[in-house]
PDB file of N, CA and C in Angstrom:
ATOM      1  N   MET A   1     154.049 145.561  86.749  1.00  0.00           N
ATOM      2  CA  MET A   1     154.052 144.811  85.518  1.00  0.00           C
ATOM      3  C   MET A   1     152.878 145.274  84.664  1.00  0.00           C
ATOM      4  N   ALA A   2     153.107 146.085  83.689  1.00  0.00           N
ATOM      5  CA  ALA A   2     152.031 146.589  82.841  1.00  0.00           C
ATOM      6  C   ALA A   2     152.008 145.827  81.521  1.00  0.00           C
ATOM      7  N   HIS A   3     150.846 145.330  81.197  1.00  0.00           N
ATOM      8  CA  HIS A   3     150.651 144.604  79.941  1.00  0.00           C
ATOM      9  C   HIS A   3     149.500 145.245  79.184  1.00  0.00           C
ATOM     10  N   SER A   4     149.536 146.554  79.043  1.00  0.00           N
ATOM     11  CA  SER A   4     148.415 147.270  78.448  1.00  0.00           C
ATOM     12  C   SER A   4     148.153 146.859  77.005  1.00  0.00           C
ATOM     13  N   ASP A   5     149.147 146.307  76.313  1.00  0.00           N
ATOM     14  CA  ASP A   5     148.955 145.897  74.926  1.00  0.00           C
ATOM     15  C   ASP A   5     148.361 144.486  74.821  1.00  0.00           C
ATOM     16  N   LEU A   6     148.149 143.820  75.933  1.00  0.00           N
ATOM     17  CA  LEU A   6     147.614 142.460  75.926  1.00  0.00           C
ATOM     18  C   LEU A   6     146.174 142.453  76.432  1.00  0.00           C
ATOM     19  N   PRO A   7     145.367 141.498  75.963  1.00  0.00           N
ATOM     20  CA  PRO A   7     143.960 141.443  76.377  1.00  0.00           C
ATOM     21  C   PRO A   7     143.735 140.757  77.720  1.00  0.00           C
ATOM     22  N   PHE A   8     144.724 140.767  78.592  1.00  0.00           N
ATOM     23  CA  PHE A   8     144.602 140.117  79.893  1.00  0.00           C
ATOM     24  C   PHE A   8     144.587 141.160  80.996  1.00  0.00           C
ATOM     25  N   PRO A   9     143.625 141.082  81.906  1.00  0.00           N
ATOM     26  CA  PRO A   9     143.615 142.021  83.025  1.00  0.00           C
ATOM     27  C   PRO A   9     144.720 141.686  84.019  1.00  0.00           C
ATOM     28  N   GLU A  10     145.183 142.679  84.742  1.00  0.00           N
ATOM     29  CA  GLU A  10     146.206 142.463  85.769  1.00  0.00           C
ATOM     30  C   GLU A  10     145.661 141.636  86.929  1.00  0.00           C
ATOM     31  N   THR A  11     144.360 141.790  87.228  1.00  0.00           N
ATOM     32  CA  THR A  11     143.739 141.110  88.359  1.00  0.00           C
ATOM     33  C   THR A  11     142.393 140.533  87.938  1.00  0.00           C
ATOM     34  N   VAL A  12     142.091 139.316  88.390  1.00  0.00           N
ATOM     35  CA  VAL A  12     140.753 138.741  88.225  1.00  0.00           C
ATOM     36  C   VAL A  12     140.277 138.248  89.582  1.00  0.00           C
ATOM     37  N   PHE A  13     138.975 138.249  89.754  1.00  0.00           N
ATOM     38  CA  PHE A  13     138.346 137.799  90.986  1.00  0.00           C
ATOM     39  C   PHE A  13     137.544 136.548  90.663  1.00  0.00           C
ATOM     40  N   VAL A  14     137.728 135.503  91.461  1.00  0.00           N
ATOM     41  CA  VAL A  14     137.146 134.199  91.149  1.00  0.00           C
ATOM     42  C   VAL A  14     136.284 133.711  92.301  1.00  0.00           C
ATOM     43  N   SER A  15     135.099 133.229  91.952  1.00  0.00           N
ATOM     44  CA  SER A  15     134.219 132.576  92.914  1.00  0.00           C
ATOM     45  C   SER A  15     133.753 131.266  92.287  1.00  0.00           C
ATOM     46  N   HIS A  16     133.041 130.459  93.073  1.00  0.00           N
ATOM     47  CA  HIS A  16     132.539 129.179  92.578  1.00  0.00           C
ATOM     48  C   HIS A  16     131.067 129.304  92.230  1.00  0.00           C
ATOM     49  N   TYR A  17     130.660 128.635  91.155  1.00  0.00           N
ATOM     50  CA  TYR A  17     129.237 128.525  90.837  1.00  0.00           C
ATOM     51  C   TYR A  17     128.604 127.553  91.821  1.00  0.00           C
ATOM     52  N   ASP A  18     127.291 127.603  91.939  1.00  0.00           N
ATOM     53  CA  ASP A  18     126.570 126.708  92.856  1.00  0.00           C
ATOM     54  C   ASP A  18     126.848 125.235  92.567  1.00  0.00           C
ATOM     55  N   SER A  19     127.046 124.890  91.311  1.00  0.00           N
ATOM     56  CA  SER A  19     127.261 123.497  90.924  1.00  0.00           C
ATOM     57  C   SER A  19     128.695 123.028  91.163  1.00  0.00           C
ATOM     58  N   SER A  20     129.556 123.898  91.644  1.00  0.00           N
ATOM     59  CA  SER A  20     130.965 123.573  91.846  1.00  0.00           C
ATOM     60  C   SER A  20     131.161 122.615  93.016  1.00  0.00           C
ATOM     61  N   SER A  21     132.133 121.723  92.855  1.00  0.00           N
ATOM     62  CA  SER A  21     132.496 120.804  93.935  1.00  0.00           C
ATOM     63  C   SER A  21     134.010 120.643  93.934  1.00  0.00           C
ATOM     64  N   ALA A  22     134.536 119.985  94.963  1.00  0.00           N
ATOM     65  CA  ALA A  22     135.984 119.759  95.040  1.00  0.00           C
ATOM     66  C   ALA A  22     136.451 118.878  93.881  1.00  0.00           C
ATOM     67  N   GLU A  23     135.613 117.919  93.497  1.00  0.00           N
ATOM     68  CA  GLU A  23     135.976 116.997  92.415  1.00  0.00           C
ATOM     69  C   GLU A  23     135.867 117.657  91.039  1.00  0.00           C
ATOM     70  N   ILE A  24     134.851 118.502  90.881  1.00  0.00           N
ATOM     71  CA  ILE A  24     134.614 119.166  89.595  1.00  0.00           C
ATOM     72  C   ILE A  24     134.381 120.656  89.856  1.00  0.00           C
ATOM     73  N   PRO A  25     135.458 121.427  89.955  1.00  0.00           N
ATOM     74  CA  PRO A  25     135.288 122.855  90.220  1.00  0.00           C
ATOM     75  C   PRO A  25     134.689 123.581  89.006  1.00  0.00           C
ATOM     76  N   SER A  26     133.804 124.497  89.269  1.00  0.00           N
ATOM     77  CA  SER A  26     133.187 125.327  88.239  1.00  0.00           C
ATOM     78  C   SER A  26     133.390 126.769  88.675  1.00  0.00           C
ATOM     79  N   LEU A  27     134.324 127.439  88.035  1.00  0.00           N
ATOM     80  CA  LEU A  27     134.748 128.754  88.494  1.00  0.00           C
ATOM     81  C   LEU A  27     134.099 129.886  87.713  1.00  0.00           C
ATOM     82  N   ASN A  28     133.906 130.984  88.403  1.00  0.00           N
ATOM     83  CA  ASN A  28     133.321 132.186  87.860  1.00  0.00           C
ATOM     84  C   ASN A  28     134.398 133.273  87.925  1.00  0.00           C
ATOM     85  N   ALA A  29     135.074 133.566  86.820  1.00  0.00           N
ATOM     86  CA  ALA A  29     136.140 134.570  86.793  1.00  0.00           C
ATOM     87  C   ALA A  29     135.567 135.914  86.363  1.00  0.00           C
ATOM     88  N   CYS A  30     135.844 136.959  87.151  1.00  0.00           N
ATOM     89  CA  CYS A  30     135.268 138.288  86.914  1.00  0.00           C
ATOM     90  C   CYS A  30     136.347 139.364  86.965  1.00  0.00           C
ATOM     91  N   LEU A  31     136.033 140.511  86.385  1.00  0.00           N
ATOM     92  CA  LEU A  31     136.975 141.627  86.391  1.00  0.00           C
ATOM     93  C   LEU A  31     136.851 142.488  87.640  1.00  0.00           C
ATOM     94  N   THR A  32     135.716 142.399  88.345  1.00  0.00           N
ATOM     95  CA  THR A  32     135.547 143.154  89.586  1.00  0.00           C
ATOM     96  C   THR A  32     135.044 142.220  90.681  1.00  0.00           C
ATOM     97  N   GLU A  33     135.292 142.605  91.927  1.00  0.00           N
ATOM     98  CA  GLU A  33     134.801 141.799  93.050  1.00  0.00           C
ATOM     99  C   GLU A  33     133.283 141.742  93.070  1.00  0.00           C
ATOM    100  N   MET A  34     132.638 142.850  92.759  1.00  0.00           N
ATOM    101  CA  MET A  34     131.180 142.896  92.805  1.00  0.00           C
ATOM    102  C   MET A  34     130.546 141.907  91.833  1.00  0.00           C
ATOM    103  N   GLU A  35     131.160 141.708  90.684  1.00  0.00           N
ATOM    104  CA  GLU A  35     130.629 140.743  89.716  1.00  0.00           C
ATOM    105  C   GLU A  35     130.748 139.311  90.230  1.00  0.00           C
ATOM    106  N   ALA A  36     131.723 139.050  91.074  1.00  0.00           N
ATOM    107  CA  ALA A  36     131.966 137.696  91.579  1.00  0.00           C
ATOM    108  C   ALA A  36     131.076 137.327  92.760  1.00  0.00           C
ATOM    109  N   VAL A  37     130.424 138.334  93.370  1.00  0.00           N
ATOM    110  CA  VAL A  37     129.628 138.111  94.575  1.00  0.00           C
ATOM    111  C   VAL A  37     128.200 137.724  94.218  1.00  0.00           C
ATOM    112  N   ASP A  38     127.671 136.738  94.952  1.00  0.00           N
ATOM    113  CA  ASP A  38     126.274 136.345  94.812  1.00  0.00           C
ATOM    114  C   ASP A  38     125.424 137.382  95.543  1.00  0.00           C
ATOM    115  N   ASP A  39     124.341 137.804  94.952  1.00  0.00           N
ATOM    116  CA  ASP A  39     123.478 138.832  95.559  1.00  0.00           C
ATOM    117  C   ASP A  39     122.772 138.367  96.818  1.00  0.00           C
ATOM    118  N   LYS A  40     122.605 137.054  96.989  1.00  0.00           N
ATOM    119  CA  LYS A  40     121.757 136.541  98.058  1.00  0.00           C
ATOM    120  C   LYS A  40     122.504 136.008  99.272  1.00  0.00           C
ATOM    121  N   GLU A  41     123.797 135.764  99.159  1.00  0.00           N
ATOM    122  CA  GLU A  41     124.516 135.170 100.293  1.00  0.00           C
ATOM    123  C   GLU A  41     125.990 135.570 100.297  1.00  0.00           C
ATOM    124  N   LEU A  42     126.659 135.298 101.402  1.00  0.00           N
ATOM    125  CA  LEU A  42     128.099 135.546 101.485  1.00  0.00           C
ATOM    126  C   LEU A  42     128.812 134.682 100.455  1.00  0.00           C
ATOM    127  N   THR A  43     129.789 135.254  99.796  1.00  0.00           N
ATOM    128  CA  THR A  43     130.501 134.542  98.731  1.00  0.00           C
ATOM    129  C   THR A  43     131.996 134.640  98.965  1.00  0.00           C
ATOM    130  N   ALA A  44     132.688 133.506  98.950  1.00  0.00           N
ATOM    131  CA  ALA A  44     134.155 133.508  99.011  1.00  0.00           C
ATOM    132  C   ALA A  44     134.670 133.930  97.633  1.00  0.00           C
ATOM    133  N   VAL A  45     135.505 134.962  97.613  1.00  0.00           N
ATOM    134  CA  VAL A  45     136.046 135.477  96.354  1.00  0.00           C
ATOM    135  C   VAL A  45     137.566 135.494  96.452  1.00  0.00           C
ATOM    136  N   ALA A  46     138.231 134.822  95.514  1.00  0.00           N
ATOM    137  CA  ALA A  46     139.696 134.799  95.473  1.00  0.00           C
ATOM    138  C   ALA A  46     140.185 135.867  94.493  1.00  0.00           C
ATOM    139  N   GLU A  47     141.316 136.477  94.808  1.00  0.00           N
ATOM    140  CA  GLU A  47     141.920 137.485  93.942  1.00  0.00           C
ATOM    141  C   GLU A  47     143.187 136.900  93.327  1.00  0.00           C
ATOM    142  N   TYR A  48     143.262 136.927  92.008  1.00  0.00           N
ATOM    143  CA  TYR A  48     144.426 136.401  91.297  1.00  0.00           C
ATOM    144  C   TYR A  48     145.107 137.532  90.544  1.00  0.00           C
ATOM    145  N   LYS A  49     146.443 137.568  90.627  1.00  0.00           N
ATOM    146  CA  LYS A  49     147.241 138.577  89.933  1.00  0.00           C
ATOM    147  C   LYS A  49     147.976 137.929  88.763  1.00  0.00           C
ATOM    148  N   LEU A  50     148.091 138.656  87.680  1.00  0.00           N
ATOM    149  CA  LEU A  50     148.798 138.189  86.503  1.00  0.00           C
ATOM    150  C   LEU A  50     150.280 137.993  86.833  1.00  0.00           C
ATOM    151  N   VAL A  51     150.807 136.828  86.537  1.00  0.00           N
ATOM    152  CA  VAL A  51     152.215 136.529  86.792  1.00  0.00           C
ATOM    153  C   VAL A  51     153.015 136.670  85.506  1.00  0.00           C
ATOM    154  N   ARG A  52     152.537 136.063  84.446  1.00  0.00           N
ATOM    155  CA  ARG A  52     153.224 136.182  83.158  1.00  0.00           C
ATOM    156  C   ARG A  52     152.262 135.788  82.048  1.00  0.00           C
ATOM    157  N   VAL A  53     152.623 136.172  80.850  1.00  0.00           N
ATOM    158  CA  VAL A  53     151.863 135.806  79.659  1.00  0.00           C
ATOM    159  C   VAL A  53     152.846 135.189  78.689  1.00  0.00           C
ATOM    160  N   ARG A  54     152.479 134.030  78.179  1.00  0.00           N
ATOM    161  CA  ARG A  54     153.333 133.352  77.193  1.00  0.00           C
ATOM    162  C   ARG A  54     152.486 132.997  75.988  1.00  0.00           C
ATOM    163  N   LYS A  55     153.079 132.960  74.822  1.00  0.00           N
ATOM    164  CA  LYS A  55     152.391 132.491  73.626  1.00  0.00           C
ATOM    165  C   LYS A  55     152.764 131.024  73.439  1.00  0.00           C
ATOM    166  N   LEU A  56     151.748 130.186  73.380  1.00  0.00           N
ATOM    167  CA  LEU A  56     151.963 128.750  73.271  1.00  0.00           C
ATOM    168  C   LEU A  56     151.186 128.196  72.085  1.00  0.00           C
ATOM    169  N   ILE A  57     151.605 127.061  71.609  1.00  0.00           N
ATOM    170  CA  ILE A  57     150.884 126.367  70.557  1.00  0.00           C
ATOM    171  C   ILE A  57     150.905 124.878  70.873  1.00  0.00           C
ATOM    172  N   ARG A  58     149.779 124.251  70.644  1.00  0.00           N
ATOM    173  CA  ARG A  58     149.697 122.807  70.855  1.00  0.00           C
ATOM    174  C   ARG A  58     150.030 122.149  69.524  1.00  0.00           C
ATOM    175  N   LYS A  59     150.978 121.237  69.558  1.00  0.00           N
ATOM    176  CA  LYS A  59     151.437 120.596  68.337  1.00  0.00           C
ATOM    177  C   LYS A  59     151.136 119.111  68.425  1.00  0.00           C
ATOM    178  N   ILE A  60     150.556 118.579  67.394  1.00  0.00           N
ATOM    179  CA  ILE A  60     150.267 117.150  67.345  1.00  0.00           C
ATOM    180  C   ILE A  60     151.315 116.482  66.464  1.00  0.00           C
ATOM    181  N   GLU A  61     151.959 115.480  67.019  1.00  0.00           N
ATOM    182  CA  GLU A  61     152.976 114.747  66.249  1.00  0.00           C
ATOM    183  C   GLU A  61     152.586 113.287  66.174  1.00  0.00           C
ATOM    184  N   GLU A  62     152.803 112.678  65.033  1.00  0.00           N
ATOM    185  CA  GLU A  62     152.502 111.257  64.862  1.00  0.00           C
ATOM    186  C   GLU A  62     153.803 110.469  64.963  1.00  0.00           C
ATOM    187  N   PHE A  63     153.756 109.402  65.789  1.00  0.00           N
ATOM    188  CA  PHE A  63     154.927 108.551  65.976  1.00  0.00           C
ATOM    189  C   PHE A  63     154.617 107.169  65.414  1.00  0.00           C
ATOM    190  N   PRO A  64     155.571 106.521  64.772  1.00  0.00           N
ATOM    191  CA  PRO A  64     155.341 105.168  64.223  1.00  0.00           C
ATOM    192  C   PRO A  64     155.187 104.155  65.351  1.00  0.00           C
ATOM    193  N   PHE A  65     154.425 103.113  65.073  1.00  0.00           N
ATOM    194  CA  PHE A  65     154.229 102.038  66.079  1.00  0.00           C
ATOM    195  C   PHE A  65     155.405 101.130  66.111  1.00  0.00           C
TER     196      PHE A  65
END
């Protein structure tokens, strides 16, 4: 699946910031595994592959009471 005309990478690598928790995740998305790794300790790094790209728009509609 090549999307060379789109600004989305095929793969991103994700790790958690130190402040991340199960209740409030704080993710660090990177283009390479090395960028996702902490220099001082072992780091869990997830690999995500692009599934699809869609163009969306959020529309606000007003409804009468």
